[in-house]
Amino acid sequence: MKNTKKKYYAYAVPDGALGVADNWKQCEKIVSGRTGAKYHGFESKEEAVRWLALGARYEVKHVKKLEPGIYFDAVTGRG
């Protein structure tokens, strides 16, 4: 059975071009043969855009959207 789930591909090429392709064929045309090009597949376009905003680093594996709420950093600050 073929996987029919839609995927989006974020790409960053050395000349500074960033974007999100709607399919692998489109992304492949952009990154193929480009030394230093980065790309990563995501389940949503929003995740792909966030990966690019975080510097298109392969170390960033998941960029799920946080649920609305108030978040506290318990490590910084006084006391």
PDB file of N, CA and C in Angstrom:
ATOM      1  N   MET A   1       0.840  -1.185   0.000  1.00  0.00           N
ATOM      2  CA  MET A   1       0.000   0.000   0.000  1.00  0.00           C
ATOM      3  C   MET A   1       0.888   1.252   0.000  1.00  0.00           C
ATOM      4  N   LYS A   2       0.611   2.167  -0.869  1.00  0.00           N
ATOM      5  CA  LYS A   2       1.396   3.391  -0.990  1.00  0.00           C
ATOM      6  C   LYS A   2       0.965   4.413   0.058  1.00  0.00           C
ATOM      7  N   ASN A   3       1.960   5.102   0.638  1.00  0.00           N
ATOM      8  CA  ASN A   3       1.687   6.145   1.626  1.00  0.00           C
ATOM      9  C   ASN A   3       1.153   7.375   0.897  1.00  0.00           C
ATOM     10  N   THR A   4      -0.081   7.773   1.185  1.00  0.00           N
ATOM     11  CA  THR A   4      -0.705   8.896   0.489  1.00  0.00           C
ATOM     12  C   THR A   4      -0.699  10.166   1.325  1.00  0.00           C
ATOM     13  N   LYS A   5      -0.011  10.138   2.455  1.00  0.00           N
ATOM     14  CA  LYS A   5       0.052  11.317   3.307  1.00  0.00           C
ATOM     15  C   LYS A   5       0.876  12.401   2.623  1.00  0.00           C
ATOM     16  N   LYS A   6       0.355  13.617   2.577  1.00  0.00           N
ATOM     17  CA  LYS A   6       1.031  14.753   1.953  1.00  0.00           C
ATOM     18  C   LYS A   6       2.249  15.138   2.769  1.00  0.00           C
ATOM     19  N   LYS A   7       3.346  15.430   2.076  1.00  0.00           N
ATOM     20  CA  LYS A   7       4.566  15.890   2.727  1.00  0.00           C
ATOM     21  C   LYS A   7       5.005  17.189   2.089  1.00  0.00           C
ATOM     22  N   TYR A   8       5.631  18.025   2.896  1.00  0.00           N
ATOM     23  CA  TYR A   8       6.196  19.285   2.434  1.00  0.00           C
ATOM     24  C   TYR A   8       7.700  19.221   2.657  1.00  0.00           C
ATOM     25  N   TYR A   9       8.462  19.838   1.771  1.00  0.00           N
ATOM     26  CA  TYR A   9       9.912  19.783   1.851  1.00  0.00           C
ATOM     27  C   TYR A   9      10.482  21.188   1.961  1.00  0.00           C
ATOM     28  N   ALA A  10      11.114  21.461   3.104  1.00  0.00           N
ATOM     29  CA  ALA A  10      11.790  22.740   3.304  1.00  0.00           C
ATOM     30  C   ALA A  10      13.176  22.620   2.690  1.00  0.00           C
ATOM     31  N   TYR A  11      13.637  23.698   2.061  1.00  0.00           N
ATOM     32  CA  TYR A  11      14.968  23.674   1.470  1.00  0.00           C
ATOM     33  C   TYR A  11      15.695  24.988   1.727  1.00  0.00           C
ATOM     34  N   ALA A  12      17.013  24.890   1.820  1.00  0.00           N
ATOM     35  CA  ALA A  12      17.887  26.051   1.968  1.00  0.00           C
ATOM     36  C   ALA A  12      19.107  25.792   1.099  1.00  0.00           C
ATOM     37  N   VAL A  13      19.349  26.666   0.143  1.00  0.00           N
ATOM     38  CA  VAL A  13      20.501  26.502  -0.745  1.00  0.00           C
ATOM     39  C   VAL A  13      21.525  27.597  -0.459  1.00  0.00           C
ATOM     40  N   PRO A  14      22.792  27.336  -0.757  1.00  0.00           N
ATOM     41  CA  PRO A  14      23.869  28.252  -0.387  1.00  0.00           C
ATOM     42  C   PRO A  14      23.702  29.697  -0.848  1.00  0.00           C
ATOM     43  N   ASP A  15      23.006  29.949  -1.951  1.00  0.00           N
ATOM     44  CA  ASP A  15      22.853  31.329  -2.414  1.00  0.00           C
ATOM     45  C   ASP A  15      21.846  32.119  -1.582  1.00  0.00           C
ATOM     46  N   GLY A  16      21.307  31.473  -0.549  1.00  0.00           N
ATOM     47  CA  GLY A  16      20.386  32.162   0.347  1.00  0.00           C
ATOM     48  C   GLY A  16      18.919  31.888   0.071  1.00  0.00           C
ATOM     49  N   ALA A  17      18.621  31.125  -0.961  1.00  0.00           N
ATOM     50  CA  ALA A  17      17.226  30.816  -1.268  1.00  0.00           C
ATOM     51  C   ALA A  17      16.664  29.826  -0.258  1.00  0.00           C
ATOM     52  N   LEU A  18      15.542  30.193   0.337  1.00  0.00           N
ATOM     53  CA  LEU A  18      14.832  29.331   1.283  1.00  0.00           C
ATOM     54  C   LEU A  18      13.413  29.164   0.776  1.00  0.00           C
ATOM     55  N   GLY A  19      12.825  28.028   1.072  1.00  0.00           N
ATOM     56  CA  GLY A  19      11.438  27.855   0.671  1.00  0.00           C
ATOM     57  C   GLY A  19      10.887  26.519   1.086  1.00  0.00           C
ATOM     58  N   VAL A  20       9.630  26.319   0.733  1.00  0.00           N
ATOM     59  CA  VAL A  20       8.940  25.068   1.020  1.00  0.00           C
ATOM     60  C   VAL A  20       8.326  24.567  -0.281  1.00  0.00           C
ATOM     61  N   ALA A  21       8.707  23.369  -0.672  1.00  0.00           N
ATOM     62  CA  ALA A  21       8.167  22.748  -1.878  1.00  0.00           C
ATOM     63  C   ALA A  21       6.994  21.853  -1.492  1.00  0.00           C
ATOM     64  N   ASP A  22       6.035  21.746  -2.392  1.00  0.00           N
ATOM     65  CA  ASP A  22       4.834  20.943  -2.134  1.00  0.00           C
ATOM     66  C   ASP A  22       5.050  19.453  -2.350  1.00  0.00           C
ATOM     67  N   ASN A  23       6.172  19.081  -2.977  1.00  0.00           N
ATOM     68  CA  ASN A  23       6.447  17.667  -3.209  1.00  0.00           C
ATOM     69  C   ASN A  23       7.940  17.468  -3.425  1.00  0.00           C
ATOM     70  N   TRP A  24       8.367  16.201  -3.384  1.00  0.00           N
ATOM     71  CA  TRP A  24       9.793  15.904  -3.487  1.00  0.00           C
ATOM     72  C   TRP A  24      10.350  16.270  -4.861  1.00  0.00           C
ATOM     73  N   LYS A  25       9.612  16.025  -5.937  1.00  0.00           N
ATOM     74  CA  LYS A  25      10.107  16.328  -7.285  1.00  0.00           C
ATOM     75  C   LYS A  25      10.471  17.807  -7.403  1.00  0.00           C
ATOM     76  N   GLN A  26       9.629  18.663  -6.884  1.00  0.00           N
ATOM     77  CA  GLN A  26       9.869  20.108  -6.915  1.00  0.00           C
ATOM     78  C   GLN A  26      11.120  20.463  -6.101  1.00  0.00           C
ATOM     79  N   CYS A  27      11.227  19.892  -4.901  1.00  0.00           N
ATOM     80  CA  CYS A  27      12.386  20.148  -4.042  1.00  0.00           C
ATOM     81  C   CYS A  27      13.658  19.618  -4.685  1.00  0.00           C
ATOM     82  N   GLU A  28      13.586  18.436  -5.255  1.00  0.00           N
ATOM     83  CA  GLU A  28      14.752  17.813  -5.881  1.00  0.00           C
ATOM     84  C   GLU A  28      15.313  18.691  -6.995  1.00  0.00           C
ATOM     85  N   LYS A  29      14.452  19.307  -7.792  1.00  0.00           N
ATOM     86  CA  LYS A  29      14.910  20.198  -8.868  1.00  0.00           C
ATOM     87  C   LYS A  29      15.708  21.373  -8.314  1.00  0.00           C
ATOM     88  N   ILE A  30      15.315  21.860  -7.146  1.00  0.00           N
ATOM     89  CA  ILE A  30      15.957  23.032  -6.547  1.00  0.00           C
ATOM     90  C   ILE A  30      17.296  22.678  -5.901  1.00  0.00           C
ATOM     91  N   VAL A  31      17.369  21.542  -5.204  1.00  0.00           N
ATOM     92  CA  VAL A  31      18.570  21.214  -4.435  1.00  0.00           C
ATOM     93  C   VAL A  31      19.562  20.310  -5.167  1.00  0.00           C
ATOM     94  N   SER A  32      19.120  19.644  -6.217  1.00  0.00           N
ATOM     95  CA  SER A  32      19.977  18.694  -6.929  1.00  0.00           C
ATOM     96  C   SER A  32      21.223  19.376  -7.492  1.00  0.00           C
ATOM     97  N   GLY A  33      22.385  18.801  -7.169  1.00  0.00           N
ATOM     98  CA  GLY A  33      23.653  19.312  -7.666  1.00  0.00           C
ATOM     99  C   GLY A  33      24.163  20.556  -6.961  1.00  0.00           C
ATOM    100  N   ARG A  34      23.480  21.002  -5.923  1.00  0.00           N
ATOM    101  CA  ARG A  34      23.875  22.208  -5.193  1.00  0.00           C
ATOM    102  C   ARG A  34      24.636  21.812  -3.943  1.00  0.00           C
ATOM    103  N   THR A  35      25.940  22.002  -3.936  1.00  0.00           N
ATOM    104  CA  THR A  35      26.759  21.684  -2.783  1.00  0.00           C
ATOM    105  C   THR A  35      26.332  22.536  -1.603  1.00  0.00           C
ATOM    106  N   GLY A  36      26.108  21.891  -0.477  1.00  0.00           N
ATOM    107  CA  GLY A  36      25.708  22.599   0.732  1.00  0.00           C
ATOM    108  C   GLY A  36      24.211  22.817   0.869  1.00  0.00           C
ATOM    109  N   ALA A  37      23.435  22.349  -0.089  1.00  0.00           N
ATOM    110  CA  ALA A  37      21.972  22.495   0.000  1.00  0.00           C
ATOM    111  C   ALA A  37      21.444  21.605   1.118  1.00  0.00           C
ATOM    112  N   LYS A  38      20.448  22.113   1.834  1.00  0.00           N
ATOM    113  CA  LYS A  38      19.810  21.346   2.902  1.00  0.00           C
ATOM    114  C   LYS A  38      18.327  21.216   2.586  1.00  0.00           C
ATOM    115  N   TYR A  39      17.756  20.084   2.972  1.00  0.00           N
ATOM    116  CA  TYR A  39      16.325  19.878   2.789  1.00  0.00           C
ATOM    117  C   TYR A  39      15.832  18.885   3.828  1.00  0.00           C
ATOM    118  N   HIS A  40      14.556  18.980   4.132  1.00  0.00           N
ATOM    119  CA  HIS A  40      13.975  18.105   5.151  1.00  0.00           C
ATOM    120  C   HIS A  40      12.479  18.010   4.889  1.00  0.00           C
ATOM    121  N   GLY A  41      11.920  16.812   5.021  1.00  0.00           N
ATOM    122  CA  GLY A  41      10.492  16.594   4.808  1.00  0.00           C
ATOM    123  C   GLY A  41       9.694  16.764   6.087  1.00  0.00           C
ATOM    124  N   PHE A  42       8.499  17.324   5.964  1.00  0.00           N
ATOM    125  CA  PHE A  42       7.617  17.560   7.109  1.00  0.00           C
ATOM    126  C   PHE A  42       6.179  17.219   6.754  1.00  0.00           C
ATOM    127  N   GLU A  43       5.387  16.955   7.787  1.00  0.00           N
ATOM    128  CA  GLU A  43       3.978  16.633   7.587  1.00  0.00           C
ATOM    129  C   GLU A  43       3.119  17.860   7.355  1.00  0.00           C
ATOM    130  N   SER A  44       3.595  19.036   7.783  1.00  0.00           N
ATOM    131  CA  SER A  44       2.817  20.255   7.564  1.00  0.00           C
ATOM    132  C   SER A  44       3.716  21.376   7.056  1.00  0.00           C
ATOM    133  N   LYS A  45       3.111  22.295   6.337  1.00  0.00           N
ATOM    134  CA  LYS A  45       3.861  23.435   5.806  1.00  0.00           C
ATOM    135  C   LYS A  45       4.367  24.311   6.940  1.00  0.00           C
ATOM    136  N   GLU A  46       3.585  24.432   8.021  1.00  0.00           N
ATOM    137  CA  GLU A  46       3.977  25.238   9.173  1.00  0.00           C
ATOM    138  C   GLU A  46       5.247  24.702   9.822  1.00  0.00           C
ATOM    139  N   GLU A  47       5.354  23.382   9.944  1.00  0.00           N
ATOM    140  CA  GLU A  47       6.565  22.779  10.506  1.00  0.00           C
ATOM    141  C   GLU A  47       7.776  23.081   9.628  1.00  0.00           C
ATOM    142  N   ALA A  48       7.597  22.997   8.325  1.00  0.00           N
ATOM    143  CA  ALA A  48       8.686  23.265   7.390  1.00  0.00           C
ATOM    144  C   ALA A  48       9.164  24.711   7.521  1.00  0.00           C
ATOM    145  N   VAL A  49       8.228  25.638   7.630  1.00  0.00           N
ATOM    146  CA  VAL A  49       8.577  27.062   7.769  1.00  0.00           C
ATOM    147  C   VAL A  49       9.317  27.299   9.080  1.00  0.00           C
ATOM    148  N   ARG A  50       8.881  26.655  10.160  1.00  0.00           N
ATOM    149  CA  ARG A  50       9.557  26.822  11.448  1.00  0.00           C
ATOM    150  C   ARG A  50      10.982  26.257  11.409  1.00  0.00           C
ATOM    151  N   TRP A  51      11.183  25.130  10.713  1.00  0.00           N
ATOM    152  CA  TRP A  51      12.526  24.558  10.578  1.00  0.00           C
ATOM    153  C   TRP A  51      13.456  25.554   9.886  1.00  0.00           C
ATOM    154  N   LEU A  52      12.963  26.191   8.849  1.00  0.00           N
ATOM    155  CA  LEU A  52      13.768  27.208   8.160  1.00  0.00           C
ATOM    156  C   LEU A  52      14.066  28.379   9.090  1.00  0.00           C
ATOM    157  N   ALA A  53      13.066  28.813   9.862  1.00  0.00           N
ATOM    158  CA  ALA A  53      13.244  29.934  10.788  1.00  0.00           C
ATOM    159  C   ALA A  53      14.258  29.604  11.882  1.00  0.00           C
ATOM    160  N   LEU A  54      14.401  28.327  12.208  1.00  0.00           N
ATOM    161  CA  LEU A  54      15.356  27.892  13.225  1.00  0.00           C
ATOM    162  C   LEU A  54      16.744  27.655  12.629  1.00  0.00           C
ATOM    163  N   GLY A  55      16.972  28.058  11.397  1.00  0.00           N
ATOM    164  CA  GLY A  55      18.291  27.975  10.790  1.00  0.00           C
ATOM    165  C   GLY A  55      18.523  26.765   9.906  1.00  0.00           C
ATOM    166  N   ALA A  56      17.472  26.015   9.590  1.00  0.00           N
ATOM    167  CA  ALA A  56      17.584  24.832   8.716  1.00  0.00           C
ATOM    168  C   ALA A  56      18.690  23.896   9.208  1.00  0.00           C
ATOM    169  N   ARG A  57      18.684  23.652  10.510  1.00  0.00           N
ATOM    170  CA  ARG A  57      19.700  22.783  11.109  1.00  0.00           C
ATOM    171  C   ARG A  57      19.158  21.356  11.213  1.00  0.00           C
ATOM    172  N   TYR A  58      19.955  20.395  10.753  1.00  0.00           N
ATOM    173  CA  TYR A  58      19.529  18.996  10.820  1.00  0.00           C
ATOM    174  C   TYR A  58      19.383  18.504  12.253  1.00  0.00           C
ATOM    175  N   GLU A  59      20.039  19.177  13.207  1.00  0.00           N
ATOM    176  CA  GLU A  59      19.913  18.776  14.608  1.00  0.00           C
ATOM    177  C   GLU A  59      18.482  18.972  15.113  1.00  0.00           C
ATOM    178  N   VAL A  60      17.760  19.891  14.497  1.00  0.00           N
ATOM    179  CA  VAL A  60      16.366  20.161  14.879  1.00  0.00           C
ATOM    180  C   VAL A  60      15.500  19.123  14.187  1.00  0.00           C
ATOM    181  N   LYS A  61      15.019  18.157  14.954  1.00  0.00           N
ATOM    182  CA  LYS A  61      14.246  17.054  14.386  1.00  0.00           C
ATOM    183  C   LYS A  61      12.744  17.326  14.379  1.00  0.00           C
ATOM    184  N   HIS A  62      12.259  17.932  15.440  1.00  0.00           N
ATOM    185  CA  HIS A  62      10.818  18.163  15.561  1.00  0.00           C
ATOM    186  C   HIS A  62      10.571  19.633  15.852  1.00  0.00           C
ATOM    187  N   VAL A  63       9.618  20.202  15.155  1.00  0.00           N
ATOM    188  CA  VAL A  63       9.291  21.613  15.362  1.00  0.00           C
ATOM    189  C   VAL A  63       7.777  21.773  15.499  1.00  0.00           C
ATOM    190  N   LYS A  64       7.202  20.907  16.303  1.00  0.00           N
ATOM    191  CA  LYS A  64       5.761  20.945  16.510  1.00  0.00           C
ATOM    192  C   LYS A  64       5.348  22.264  17.133  1.00  0.00           C
ATOM    193  N   LYS A  65       4.182  22.705  16.772  1.00  0.00           N
ATOM    194  CA  LYS A  65       3.630  23.949  17.299  1.00  0.00           C
ATOM    195  C   LYS A  65       3.216  23.744  18.753  1.00  0.00           C
ATOM    196  N   LEU A  66       3.561  24.713  19.607  1.00  0.00           N
ATOM    197  CA  LEU A  66       3.150  24.653  21.006  1.00  0.00           C
ATOM    198  C   LEU A  66       1.678  25.000  21.126  1.00  0.00           C
ATOM    199  N   GLU A  67       1.017  24.353  22.044  1.00  0.00           N
ATOM    200  CA  GLU A  67      -0.375  24.674  22.315  1.00  0.00           C
ATOM    201  C   GLU A  67      -0.451  26.040  22.985  1.00  0.00           C
ATOM    202  N   PRO A  68      -1.528  26.780  22.757  1.00  0.00           N
ATOM    203  CA  PRO A  68      -1.661  28.082  23.426  1.00  0.00           C
ATOM    204  C   PRO A  68      -1.626  27.915  24.937  1.00  0.00           C
ATOM    205  N   GLY A  69      -0.937  28.827  25.614  1.00  0.00           N
ATOM    206  CA  GLY A  69      -0.846  28.756  27.064  1.00  0.00           C
ATOM    207  C   GLY A  69       0.245  29.664  27.574  1.00  0.00           C
ATOM    208  N   ILE A  70       0.497  29.582  28.840  1.00  0.00           N
ATOM    209  CA  ILE A  70       1.546  30.366  29.476  1.00  0.00           C
ATOM    210  C   ILE A  70       2.650  29.392  29.865  1.00  0.00           C
ATOM    211  N   TYR A  71       3.869  29.706  29.431  1.00  0.00           N
ATOM    212  CA  TYR A  71       5.000  28.844  29.698  1.00  0.00           C
ATOM    213  C   TYR A  71       6.008  29.569  30.570  1.00  0.00           C
ATOM    214  N   PHE A  72       6.597  28.843  31.517  1.00  0.00           N
ATOM    215  CA  PHE A  72       7.576  29.417  32.434  1.00  0.00           C
ATOM    216  C   PHE A  72       8.890  28.682  32.286  1.00  0.00           C
ATOM    217  N   ASP A  73       9.979  29.415  32.390  1.00  0.00           N
ATOM    218  CA  ASP A  73      11.305  28.833  32.390  1.00  0.00           C
ATOM    219  C   ASP A  73      11.761  28.794  33.836  1.00  0.00           C
ATOM    220  N   ALA A  74      11.743  27.636  34.445  1.00  0.00           N
ATOM    221  CA  ALA A  74      12.049  27.507  35.877  1.00  0.00           C
ATOM    222  C   ALA A  74      13.545  27.550  36.161  1.00  0.00           C
ATOM    223  N   VAL A  75      14.388  27.599  35.146  1.00  0.00           N
ATOM    224  CA  VAL A  75      15.818  27.529  35.366  1.00  0.00           C
ATOM    225  C   VAL A  75      16.440  28.921  35.455  1.00  0.00           C
ATOM    226  N   THR A  76      15.902  29.886  34.777  1.00  0.00           N
ATOM    227  CA  THR A  76      16.514  31.220  34.764  1.00  0.00           C
ATOM    228  C   THR A  76      15.811  32.147  35.746  1.00  0.00           C
ATOM    229  N   GLY A  77      16.438  33.257  35.996  1.00  0.00           N
ATOM    230  CA  GLY A  77      15.837  34.254  36.890  1.00  0.00           C
ATOM    231  C   GLY A  77      16.251  34.045  38.327  1.00  0.00           C
ATOM    232  N   ARG A  78      15.786  34.933  39.171  1.00  0.00           N
ATOM    233  CA  ARG A  78      16.126  34.838  40.605  1.00  0.00           C
ATOM    234  C   ARG A  78      15.193  33.896  41.342  1.00  0.00           C
ATOM    235  N   GLY A  79      15.749  33.310  42.380  1.00  0.00           N
ATOM    236  CA  GLY A  79      14.958  32.497  43.313  1.00  0.00           C
ATOM    237  C   GLY A  79      14.402  31.319  42.698  1.00  0.00           C
TER     238      GLY A  79
END
